[in-house]
Structures are given as C-alpha cells and as structure tokens.
Protein backbone atom coordinates (compact mmCIF):
# COMPACT_ATOMS: atom_id res chain seq x y z
CA UNK A 1 0.05 0.12 0.18
CA UNK A 2 1.47 3.43 -1.03
CA UNK A 3 0.31 6.90 -0.04
CA UNK A 4 1.97 10.32 -0.34
CA UNK A 5 4.74 10.63 2.02
CA UNK A 6 4.04 7.05 3.64
CA UNK A 7 4.87 3.83 2.04
CA UNK A 8 4.07 0.59 3.66
CA UNK A 9 4.36 -2.78 1.93
CA UNK A 10 2.38 -5.73 3.44
CA UNK A 11 4.40 -8.90 3.58
CA UNK A 12 3.23 -11.58 1.07
CA UNK A 13 1.69 -14.47 2.77
CA UNK A 14 3.15 -17.62 1.53
CA UNK A 15 1.45 -20.75 2.19
CA UNK A 16 2.53 -24.41 2.01
CA UNK A 17 0.50 -27.47 1.05
CA UNK A 18 1.65 -31.00 0.47
CA UNK A 19 0.34 -34.42 -0.43
CA UNK A 20 0.13 -37.36 -2.99
CA UNK A 21 -2.55 -35.72 -5.05
CA UNK A 22 -3.12 -39.28 -6.46
CA UNK A 23 -6.13 -39.20 -9.07
CA UNK A 24 -6.58 -35.57 -8.45
CA UNK A 25 -10.03 -34.67 -7.99
CA UNK A 26 -12.27 -31.70 -6.83
CA UNK A 27 -11.44 -32.60 -3.12
CA UNK A 28 -7.90 -31.86 -3.62
CA UNK A 29 -8.69 -28.77 -5.61
CA UNK A 30 -11.28 -27.57 -2.90
CA UNK A 31 -8.48 -27.92 -0.16
CA UNK A 32 -6.10 -25.89 -2.15
CA UNK A 33 -8.69 -23.31 -2.96
CA UNK A 34 -9.18 -22.91 0.90
CA UNK A 35 -5.52 -22.83 1.53
CA UNK A 36 -5.06 -20.10 -0.99
CA UNK A 37 -7.65 -18.07 0.61
CA UNK A 38 -5.57 -17.99 3.84
CA UNK A 39 -2.53 -16.37 2.08
CA UNK A 40 -1.25 -14.73 -1.18
CA UNK A 41 1.01 -17.40 -2.68
CA UNK A 42 0.27 -21.01 -2.68
CA UNK A 43 3.19 -23.63 -2.88
CA UNK A 44 2.27 -27.18 -3.26
CA UNK A 45 4.57 -30.09 -2.58
CA UNK A 46 3.86 -33.43 -4.15
CA UNK A 47 5.44 -36.69 -2.97
CA UNK A 48 7.36 -39.09 -5.19
CA UNK A 49 6.06 -42.74 -6.42
CA UNK A 50 8.67 -44.31 -3.96
CA UNK A 51 7.51 -42.15 -0.97
CA UNK A 52 3.84 -42.95 -1.41
CA UNK A 53 4.48 -46.73 -2.01
CA UNK A 54 6.41 -46.70 1.31
CA UNK A 55 3.89 -45.14 3.43
CA UNK A 56 0.41 -45.75 1.77
CA UNK A 57 0.93 -48.17 -1.06
CA UNK A 58 1.07 -47.94 -4.83
CA UNK A 59 -0.19 -44.72 -6.45
CA UNK A 60 -2.57 -44.97 -9.42
CA UNK A 61 -0.93 -42.20 -11.29
CA UNK A 62 2.92 -41.55 -11.73
CA UNK A 63 4.71 -38.62 -10.20
CA UNK A 64 5.07 -36.90 -13.41
CA UNK A 65 1.42 -37.15 -14.19
CA UNK A 66 0.52 -35.97 -10.55
CA UNK A 67 2.99 -32.91 -10.97
CA UNK A 68 1.37 -32.05 -14.12
CA UNK A 69 -2.20 -32.29 -12.66
CA UNK A 70 -1.49 -30.15 -9.56
CA UNK A 71 0.20 -27.37 -11.91
CA UNK A 72 -3.02 -27.05 -13.72
CA UNK A 73 -5.06 -26.38 -10.50
CA UNK A 74 -6.07 -22.71 -10.87
CA UNK A 75 -5.36 -21.65 -7.25
CA UNK A 76 -1.78 -23.35 -7.42
CA UNK A 77 1.19 -20.71 -7.79
CA UNK A 78 4.14 -23.21 -7.73
CA UNK A 79 4.64 -26.91 -7.39
CA UNK A 80 7.67 -28.51 -5.65
CA UNK A 81 8.39 -31.91 -6.98
CA UNK A 82 9.56 -34.73 -4.62
CA UNK A 83 8.48 -32.99 -1.43
CA UNK A 84 9.37 -34.85 1.84
CA UNK A 85 6.56 -37.11 3.14
CA UNK A 86 6.86 -35.66 6.75
CA UNK A 87 6.56 -31.72 6.57
CA UNK A 88 9.42 -30.02 8.37
CA UNK A 89 10.23 -26.42 9.48
CA UNK A 90 13.28 -26.74 7.08
CA UNK A 91 10.90 -27.37 4.15
CA UNK A 92 8.72 -24.39 5.23
CA UNK A 93 11.70 -22.04 5.43
CA UNK A 94 13.37 -23.27 2.37
CA UNK A 95 10.54 -21.89 0.44
CA UNK A 96 9.84 -18.88 2.64
CA UNK A 97 6.40 -20.16 3.71
CA UNK A 98 4.58 -18.87 6.74
CA UNK A 99 2.66 -21.98 7.56
CA UNK A 100 1.41 -25.36 6.36
CA UNK A 101 -2.23 -26.17 5.59
CA UNK A 102 -3.80 -29.57 5.49
CA UNK A 103 -7.33 -30.86 5.62
CA UNK A 104 -8.93 -31.88 8.89
CA UNK A 105 -8.19 -35.63 8.27
CA UNK A 106 -5.39 -37.65 9.53
CA UNK A 107 -2.32 -38.51 7.55
CA UNK A 108 0.29 -40.84 8.92
CA UNK A 109 3.48 -42.24 7.87
CA UNK A 110 4.12 -46.16 7.69
CA UNK A 111 5.35 -46.03 11.18
CA UNK A 112 1.89 -44.55 12.42
CA UNK A 113 3.44 -40.90 13.02
CA UNK A 114 1.24 -37.83 12.13
CA UNK A 115 3.26 -36.48 9.10
CA UNK A 116 2.46 -32.87 10.34
CA UNK A 117 3.56 -33.30 14.17
CA UNK A 118 6.47 -31.04 13.65
CA UNK A 119 4.76 -28.07 12.04
CA UNK A 120 1.92 -28.47 14.68
CA UNK A 121 4.24 -28.35 17.59
CA UNK A 122 5.80 -25.14 16.00
CA UNK A 123 2.32 -23.47 15.68
CA UNK A 124 2.92 -23.29 11.89
CA UNK A 125 -0.01 -25.50 10.86
CA UNK A 126 -3.56 -24.56 9.82
CA UNK A 127 -6.54 -26.78 8.83
CA UNK A 128 -9.08 -26.27 6.11
CA UNK A 129 -12.26 -28.20 5.79
CA UNK A 130 -12.18 -31.55 4.12
CA UNK A 131 -14.31 -32.01 1.11
CA UNK A 132 -16.92 -34.56 2.36
CA UNK A 133 -17.59 -37.51 0.27
CA UNK A 134 -14.76 -37.76 -1.95
CA UNK A 135 -11.28 -39.32 -1.76
CA UNK A 136 -8.95 -41.37 -3.92
CA UNK A 137 -9.99 -44.37 -1.77
CA UNK A 138 -13.72 -43.67 -2.58
CA UNK A 139 -13.03 -43.33 -6.33
CA UNK A 140 -10.91 -46.59 -6.51
CA UNK A 141 -13.66 -48.36 -4.53
CA UNK A 142 -16.17 -47.35 -7.11
CA UNK A 143 -14.02 -48.82 -9.76
CA UNK A 144 -13.48 -52.01 -8.04
CA UNK A 145 -17.09 -52.59 -6.99
CA UNK A 146 -18.64 -51.43 -10.35
CA UNK A 147 -21.15 -49.50 -8.55
CA UNK A 148 -23.74 -47.19 -10.19
CA UNK A 149 -25.53 -45.65 -7.16
CA UNK A 150 -23.46 -42.49 -7.30
CA UNK A 151 -24.98 -41.56 -10.62
CA UNK A 152 -27.68 -38.98 -11.03
CA UNK A 153 -30.57 -40.33 -12.97
CA UNK A 154 -34.31 -39.75 -13.41
CA UNK A 155 -35.46 -36.49 -11.86
CA UNK A 156 -32.14 -35.75 -10.43
CA UNK A 157 -30.27 -35.92 -13.68
CA UNK A 158 -29.87 -32.17 -14.07
CA UNK A 159 -30.21 -31.14 -10.54
CA UNK A 160 -27.46 -28.77 -8.82
CA UNK A 161 -28.81 -29.29 -5.46
CA UNK A 162 -29.86 -32.84 -4.25
CA UNK A 163 -30.06 -35.14 -1.27
CA UNK A 164 -26.67 -36.58 -0.16
CA UNK A 165 -25.38 -39.77 -1.53
CA UNK A 166 -23.92 -42.45 0.51
CA UNK A 167 -22.68 -44.73 -2.13
CA UNK A 168 -19.20 -43.37 -2.94
CA UNK A 169 -17.87 -46.19 -0.97
CA UNK A 170 -19.91 -49.27 -0.11
CA UNK A 171 -17.92 -51.26 2.03
CA UNK A 172 -14.97 -51.09 4.55
CA UNK A 173 -12.26 -51.76 1.91
CA UNK A 174 -13.61 -48.90 -0.38
CA UNK A 175 -13.74 -46.28 2.51
CA UNK A 176 -12.71 -45.62 5.98
CA UNK A 177 -15.52 -45.29 8.42
CA UNK A 178 -13.08 -43.37 10.76
CA UNK A 179 -12.03 -40.43 8.58
CA UNK A 180 -13.86 -41.12 5.27
CA UNK A 181 -17.01 -39.03 5.18
CA UNK A 182 -19.45 -40.53 2.43
CA UNK A 183 -21.59 -37.61 1.82
CA UNK A 184 -21.18 -35.22 -1.02
CA UNK A 185 -23.73 -32.22 -1.30
CA UNK A 186 -23.11 -30.29 -4.76
CA UNK A 187 -24.61 -27.03 -4.30
CA UNK A 188 -24.94 -23.57 -6.20
CA UNK A 189 -22.58 -22.21 -3.62
CA UNK A 190 -19.87 -24.94 -4.24
CA UNK A 191 -20.31 -24.27 -7.94
CA UNK A 192 -19.81 -20.52 -7.44
CA UNK A 193 -16.75 -21.00 -5.32
CA UNK A 194 -15.03 -23.14 -8.07
CA UNK A 195 -16.34 -20.84 -10.87
CA UNK A 196 -13.84 -17.94 -12.36
CA UNK A 197 -16.85 -15.76 -12.71
CA UNK A 198 -15.33 -14.52 -16.13
CA UNK A 199 -17.41 -13.60 -19.05
CA UNK A 200 -15.88 -13.30 -22.71
CA UNK A 201 -14.72 -10.00 -23.55
CA UNK A 202 -15.55 -8.19 -26.82
CA UNK A 203 -13.61 -9.82 -29.64
CA UNK A 204 -12.81 -12.92 -27.63
CA UNK A 205 -12.61 -16.12 -29.74
CA UNK A 206 -14.69 -18.64 -27.91
CA UNK A 207 -13.93 -22.30 -28.18
CA UNK A 208 -16.37 -25.21 -27.19
CA UNK A 209 -15.53 -28.68 -26.23
CA UNK A 210 -17.94 -31.39 -24.70
CA UNK A 211 -17.62 -34.66 -23.11
CA UNK A 212 -17.78 -36.85 -19.86
CA UNK A 213 -14.48 -35.64 -18.43
CA UNK A 214 -14.80 -38.57 -16.11
CA UNK A 215 -11.95 -39.20 -13.57
CA UNK A 216 -10.38 -35.94 -14.71
CA UNK A 217 -6.84 -36.92 -15.78
CA UNK A 218 -3.98 -35.98 -17.65
CA UNK A 219 -5.38 -36.92 -21.06
CA UNK A 220 -8.17 -34.38 -20.43
CA UNK A 221 -5.68 -31.85 -19.14
CA UNK A 222 -3.52 -31.81 -22.34
CA UNK A 223 -6.57 -31.60 -24.50
CA UNK A 224 -8.10 -28.76 -22.74
CA UNK A 225 -4.71 -26.96 -22.69
CA UNK A 226 -4.65 -27.53 -26.69
CA UNK A 227 -8.24 -26.45 -26.86
CA UNK A 228 -7.57 -23.24 -25.05
CA UNK A 229 -4.53 -22.26 -27.34
CA UNK A 230 -7.24 -22.17 -30.19
CA UNK A 231 -8.97 -19.21 -28.73
CA UNK A 232 -9.33 -16.72 -25.76
CA UNK A 233 -12.38 -18.21 -23.81
CA UNK A 234 -12.75 -22.07 -23.26
CA UNK A 235 -16.36 -23.45 -22.48
CA UNK A 236 -16.63 -27.08 -21.53
CA UNK A 237 -19.81 -28.84 -21.90
CA UNK A 238 -20.46 -31.95 -19.52
CA UNK A 239 -22.96 -34.53 -20.45
CA UNK A 240 -25.35 -35.96 -17.83
CA UNK A 241 -24.63 -39.38 -16.19
CA UNK A 242 -27.36 -41.21 -18.21
CA UNK A 243 -25.96 -39.73 -21.51
CA UNK A 244 -22.47 -40.66 -20.54
CA UNK A 245 -23.85 -44.08 -19.53
CA UNK A 246 -25.38 -44.41 -23.03
CA UNK A 247 -22.26 -44.08 -24.93
CA UNK A 248 -19.74 -45.45 -22.32
CA UNK A 249 -21.84 -48.27 -20.78
CA UNK A 250 -20.71 -50.42 -17.76
CA UNK A 251 -20.88 -48.40 -14.54
CA UNK A 252 -19.62 -45.23 -16.34
CA UNK A 253 -19.41 -42.23 -15.25
CA UNK A 254 -17.32 -43.09 -12.37
CA UNK A 255 -17.94 -39.54 -10.98
CA UNK A 256 -21.46 -37.93 -11.21
CA UNK A 257 -22.24 -34.87 -12.94
CA UNK A 258 -21.59 -32.44 -10.22
CA UNK A 259 -18.40 -34.03 -9.20
CA UNK A 260 -17.24 -33.83 -12.72
CA UNK A 261 -18.41 -30.28 -12.98
CA UNK A 262 -16.20 -29.32 -9.99
CA UNK A 263 -13.22 -31.23 -11.29
CA UNK A 264 -13.43 -29.35 -14.69
CA UNK A 265 -13.99 -25.91 -13.21
CA UNK A 266 -10.79 -26.31 -11.06
CA UNK A 267 -8.68 -26.46 -14.26
CA UNK A 268 -6.86 -23.28 -15.04
CA UNK A 269 -7.50 -23.68 -18.79
CA UNK A 270 -11.41 -23.62 -18.29
CA UNK A 271 -13.38 -20.45 -18.36
CA UNK A 272 -16.96 -21.63 -18.20
CA UNK A 273 -18.99 -24.93 -17.90
CA UNK A 274 -22.23 -25.85 -19.36
CA UNK A 275 -23.88 -28.34 -16.88
CA UNK A 276 -25.79 -31.11 -18.73
CA UNK A 277 -25.01 -30.06 -22.23
CA UNK A 278 -26.68 -31.66 -25.19
CA UNK A 279 -24.89 -34.65 -26.73
CA UNK A 280 -25.04 -33.17 -30.25
CA UNK A 281 -23.72 -29.57 -30.52
CA UNK A 282 -26.96 -27.68 -31.56
CA UNK A 283 -27.30 -24.30 -33.65
CA UNK A 284 -28.99 -22.88 -30.29
CA UNK A 285 -26.13 -23.84 -28.28
CA UNK A 286 -23.56 -22.35 -30.80
CA UNK A 287 -25.60 -18.96 -31.17
CA UNK A 288 -26.25 -18.58 -27.52
CA UNK A 289 -22.60 -19.10 -26.45
CA UNK A 290 -21.47 -17.45 -29.58
CA UNK A 291 -19.16 -20.28 -30.29
CA UNK A 292 -16.29 -19.63 -32.76
CA UNK A 293 -14.84 -23.12 -32.75
CA UNK A 294 -15.82 -26.62 -31.64
CA UNK A 295 -12.96 -29.17 -30.87
CA UNK A 296 -12.94 -32.83 -30.22
CA UNK A 297 -10.16 -34.89 -29.36
CA UNK A 298 -8.77 -38.09 -31.22
CA UNK A 299 -11.14 -40.44 -29.45
CA UNK A 300 -13.87 -42.14 -31.48
CA UNK A 301 -16.95 -39.94 -32.07
CA UNK A 302 -19.98 -42.02 -30.92
CA UNK A 303 -23.12 -41.27 -32.84
CA UNK A 304 -26.36 -39.76 -31.11
CA UNK A 305 -29.44 -41.96 -30.43
CA UNK A 306 -30.59 -41.27 -34.05
CA UNK A 307 -27.32 -42.42 -35.36
CA UNK A 308 -26.41 -38.96 -36.62
CA UNK A 309 -23.01 -37.27 -36.18
CA UNK A 310 -23.15 -35.05 -32.85
CA UNK A 311 -20.84 -32.53 -34.71
CA UNK A 312 -22.88 -32.13 -37.77
CA UNK A 313 -23.88 -28.41 -36.90
CA UNK A 314 -20.34 -27.16 -36.23
CA UNK A 315 -18.97 -29.04 -39.34
CA UNK A 316 -21.60 -27.43 -41.55
CA UNK A 317 -20.42 -24.08 -40.26
CA UNK A 318 -16.91 -24.76 -40.79
CA UNK A 319 -16.34 -24.34 -37.12
CA UNK A 320 -15.03 -27.89 -36.18
CA UNK A 321 -11.50 -29.10 -35.45
CA UNK A 322 -10.07 -32.36 -34.26
CA UNK A 323 -7.32 -31.85 -31.97
CA UNK A 324 -4.48 -34.40 -31.06
CA UNK A 325 -3.32 -33.67 -27.54
CA UNK A 326 -0.54 -35.92 -27.90
CA UNK A 327 -1.63 -37.85 -24.78
CA UNK A 328 -3.43 -41.24 -25.17
CA UNK A 329 -4.70 -41.54 -21.68
CA UNK A 330 -8.37 -42.40 -21.23
CA UNK A 331 -10.63 -42.94 -18.26
CA UNK A 332 -10.89 -46.73 -19.43
CA UNK A 333 -7.09 -46.95 -19.03
CA UNK A 334 -7.14 -45.66 -15.52
CA UNK A 335 -9.85 -48.38 -14.67
CA UNK A 336 -7.82 -51.07 -16.16
CA UNK A 337 -4.68 -49.86 -14.05
CA UNK A 338 -6.91 -50.14 -10.90
CA UNK A 339 -8.22 -53.53 -11.90
CA UNK A 340 -4.83 -54.78 -12.83
CA UNK A 341 -3.44 -53.94 -9.44
CA UNK A 342 -6.76 -54.68 -7.52
CA UNK A 343 -5.31 -56.62 -4.59
CA UNK A 344 -2.62 -54.05 -4.00
CA UNK A 345 -5.43 -51.40 -3.66
CA UNK A 346 -7.53 -53.52 -1.34
CA UNK A 347 -4.43 -54.18 0.98
CA UNK A 348 -3.68 -50.54 0.67
CA UNK A 349 -7.08 -49.45 1.73
CA UNK A 350 -7.32 -51.96 4.57
CA UNK A 351 -3.93 -50.64 5.83
CA UNK A 352 -5.11 -47.17 5.70
CA UNK A 353 -8.37 -47.72 7.52
CA UNK A 354 -6.29 -49.61 10.34
CA UNK A 355 -3.85 -46.61 10.82
CA UNK A 356 -6.66 -44.05 10.68
CA UNK A 357 -8.54 -45.79 13.35
CA UNK A 358 -5.61 -45.88 15.80
CA UNK A 359 -4.87 -42.26 14.94
CA UNK A 360 -8.31 -41.20 15.31
CA UNK A 361 -8.61 -42.77 18.72
CA UNK A 362 -5.37 -41.17 19.85
CA UNK A 363 -6.72 -37.80 18.59
CA UNK A 364 -9.96 -38.08 20.62
CA UNK A 365 -7.76 -38.78 23.62
CA UNK A 366 -5.50 -35.83 23.06
CA UNK A 367 -8.56 -33.70 22.53
CA UNK A 368 -10.09 -34.79 25.70
CA UNK A 369 -6.78 -33.76 27.65
CA UNK A 370 -6.79 -30.69 25.69
CA UNK A 371 -3.53 -31.28 24.19
CA UNK A 372 -4.09 -30.86 20.42
CA UNK A 373 -2.03 -28.31 18.79
CA UNK A 374 -4.08 -27.90 15.54
CA UNK A 375 -5.25 -24.35 14.71
CA UNK A 376 -8.51 -25.01 12.56
CA UNK A 377 -9.26 -22.44 10.16
CA UNK A 378 -12.44 -23.33 8.36
CA UNK A 379 -12.78 -21.37 4.93
CA UNK A 380 -15.82 -21.92 3.05
C-alpha cells in the first residue's frame, strides 16, 4: 500500500500444502482453494512414487502425471516436486512459507506417525475443511465394485442441489469409517466458489468442447490446454450421467455430473462450464454461447441416439477441429490400471483404515486432555 509521504508494504503471505495428489479430484482442488484463501501465494509439494508406495501403497498415477495435474489447478502458484512425506520446518523455511495447511483428516507415515507433528508443534500449521464425500480411496472403491448408485438419473439428472449420496464407498475396503466421509452435497454455492466468474470480452474467440471428463486426468488436461490455445475463452460442456452411460456403458461415469463439474472448473484452462450439455452440438447452443470453434479429441466420436453425427452443426458451419493432444490417456485406461492392481489397492485401503482408526482414537484422547496443537481455520 502506497500513499503520499508514507509507504508501507504488506508482507506476502506464503502458504505451503503437500500431499500425494493421486487421481487429482475436486476434493484436492477444494483444499487448495481454501489454503490459497489463507494467504497470497500457494506452494504445493508433491510426493514421489517411492515415498507414497512406502507409506500408503502404490499410487494410481505416476509422479510426473501428478506433478502436471497439480500445476493445472487454478489456485496453485508453484509446485515442488519430490516433497518430503513428513513436513518439516526446514521445508517451510526453504520456500519462505509462513505456515502449512492440510485438511481436517489424519495423515500418517508407515510407522503411524502424524506427518504434520513437527509443524503442529511449532504452531505453523492450519487446517481447512476436508471436502466431504470424496477421496482417492472412494473413487478406487467405485471402480473395483463397479457401483452405479452414485450416478444422477431420473428427476435428479440435471439437479444442482440434491440429497446426499452414501454410495461413494460401499464397504470397508472402499472407504474408511473413521475419517472417510461419504456424503457429497453439490450446491450452487460450491459451484460459485469454483467458478472463475469471467465472461467473454468483446472480440474474444470462444472455443467449445464437450464430453464426460470422467476421473479428470492428464489426457483431459492436455486436450483442454490445446483447446484453450485455439482461442481466448474455453467453454466445456458436460454430459449428464445417463448420457455418458449411454455411450460408455458399464458403470460409467465413475464420478457423477456435479463431481465432474467441479473437477473441470478447477482446471486453469477452463473459463466456463455448461452443466448437462446436449450430446449433439446444436445451433441454439452455438448461437447462444457465440461459439467460434468446436473441438474434439482423437477418441472415437459415438453417434447420437438417432445415429447422427453429434458434430454435424459445427462441421456445416466450418467451425469444427479435431485436436491431437499427444496424450493417449483415457478413463478406461485408468480403470484398467486399478483392476490390474486390485489386490494391491485393497491391501492399501485396509492398511489405511487400520492406521486411521488408531490415529483417530489417539486424537480423541488428546482432544479430551486438551493437548491438540491444531489451529483450525475453516474457509468456506
């Protein structure tokens, strides 16, 4: 802040977060959004594959994939690769961070030690609210169990506010009853928090893409980056759960419509989202959004129910482009990774639950004695 004859400069508040960020989802993004709100500059440390395997079990995504995904979250200013699993004061000081932020769940090492005990003791730790109803463990459980209860169908197909779902994890191996919360309430408020609130400026070139964007991954990310390079304002149309199931089959989508909306909105390349976009790109949609270009990736274009090409309209206007992102990752390939290593992930989930139970019981004892060192800062 500067004024005549008086110059004062407020110190930039630098915030540190760290984690595995495996299968990056809107829960990760929401914790980072809250952490960024506590300061000015957000630095995120991401653990290596080796460290995660040692303390939790094998990650679904490689460290390079996880680094890239975290860099694309719009609240992240900087990513530190290979961050230590236990957060130390040396780490905070090295990157000139004032404090560390983590969700109000429990993270333990392989030896059952709280990974944040050092920064908690030094009073350089703050908590944000954990996003209820989503975790990598929950998502892995959906894939292993091939459940469909999480999908929004019938009257709930397009709803923004709806009753809670208790089907993100359906047994003890899919979620932890101690720290895993299985309720997700997608509301207009949550969408507003994730939205950029931007509108196209005069002369902006508007690009439109559409799809499921299920289990938002690096393939989606690279495609959206390429699509954004085609213009100034990128709109993503998201199909409803029944529409996705129609062309994907099985128990797809793994994430329901509003979970997918938040995952896509957290991406820094995305300007706006159309919730429940029509499968076929219509003239009304193109005219209303003033679309200059419609893009599709290299995946097969499935015909609409009447067997027509869903991109007939933009093609007829000369406004269609097929983009090669250079990344062949698909949601199907992620599911195949999970299935291939099913036993490993089931063992990982059981170990995680056992550690969390012990940690939660210890936390309750400490809380009763008034010896907890956590500073809880709930940022909505």
